[in-house]
Amino acid sequence: MPTKIVIECSAAERKAYSIGTKFKTENVRVCKKPDGRNYLRAKDQTIYKI
């Protein structure tokens, strides 16, 4: 997967960190938005700041 692919997370996580913050996650699956964009969705939308 590309290194700049979007990882979907909760709104609370997006508000807590600025754009460009790096995270890691586990147990992801590739999903596709209706407009054709691919993104990763973490199990239970759990992410960890690096």
Protein backbone atom coordinates (compact mmCIF):
# COMPACT_ATOMS: atom_id res chain seq x y z
CA MET A 1 0.00 0.00 0.00
CA PRO A 2 1.17 3.58 -0.55
CA THR A 3 2.74 5.20 2.51
CA LYS A 4 0.38 8.19 2.27
CA ILE A 5 -2.87 6.22 2.25
CA VAL A 6 -5.57 7.53 4.59
CA ILE A 7 -6.42 5.54 7.71
CA GLU A 8 -9.96 6.07 8.93
CA CYS A 9 -10.28 6.82 12.64
CA SER A 10 -12.73 8.37 15.07
CA ALA A 11 -13.60 12.06 15.05
CA ALA A 12 -12.13 12.40 18.55
CA GLU A 13 -8.73 11.20 17.29
CA ARG A 14 -8.82 13.63 14.36
CA LYS A 15 -9.59 16.55 16.70
CA ALA A 16 -6.88 15.58 19.20
CA TYR A 17 -3.97 15.69 16.72
CA SER A 18 -2.84 18.08 14.00
CA ILE A 19 -2.61 17.17 10.32
CA GLY A 20 0.63 15.34 9.63
CA THR A 21 0.75 13.45 12.93
CA LYS A 22 1.97 9.89 12.34
CA PHE A 23 0.21 6.87 13.76
CA LYS A 24 0.44 3.11 13.70
CA THR A 25 -2.34 0.60 13.85
CA GLU A 26 -2.93 -3.12 13.52
CA ASN A 27 -5.52 -5.35 11.88
CA VAL A 28 -6.49 -3.08 9.02
CA ARG A 29 -8.50 -3.81 5.92
CA VAL A 30 -8.52 -1.98 2.61
CA CYS A 31 -11.82 -0.21 1.90
CA LYS A 32 -13.03 1.94 -0.96
CA LYS A 33 -15.05 5.17 -0.80
CA PRO A 34 -17.92 5.65 -3.30
CA ASP A 35 -15.69 8.08 -5.23
CA GLY A 36 -13.11 5.31 -5.74
CA ARG A 37 -10.50 6.38 -3.16
CA ASN A 38 -8.90 3.54 -1.18
CA TYR A 39 -8.34 3.87 2.55
CA LEU A 40 -7.45 1.65 5.49
CA ARG A 41 -9.88 0.97 8.29
CA ALA A 42 -8.42 -0.21 11.59
CA LYS A 43 -10.25 -2.81 13.63
CA ASP A 44 -12.34 -0.89 16.18
CA GLN A 45 -10.83 2.29 14.65
CA THR A 46 -7.93 2.00 17.13
CA ILE A 47 -4.77 3.96 16.29
CA TYR A 48 -1.61 4.79 18.27
CA LYS A 49 0.46 7.95 17.95
CA ILE A 50 4.11 7.28 17.03
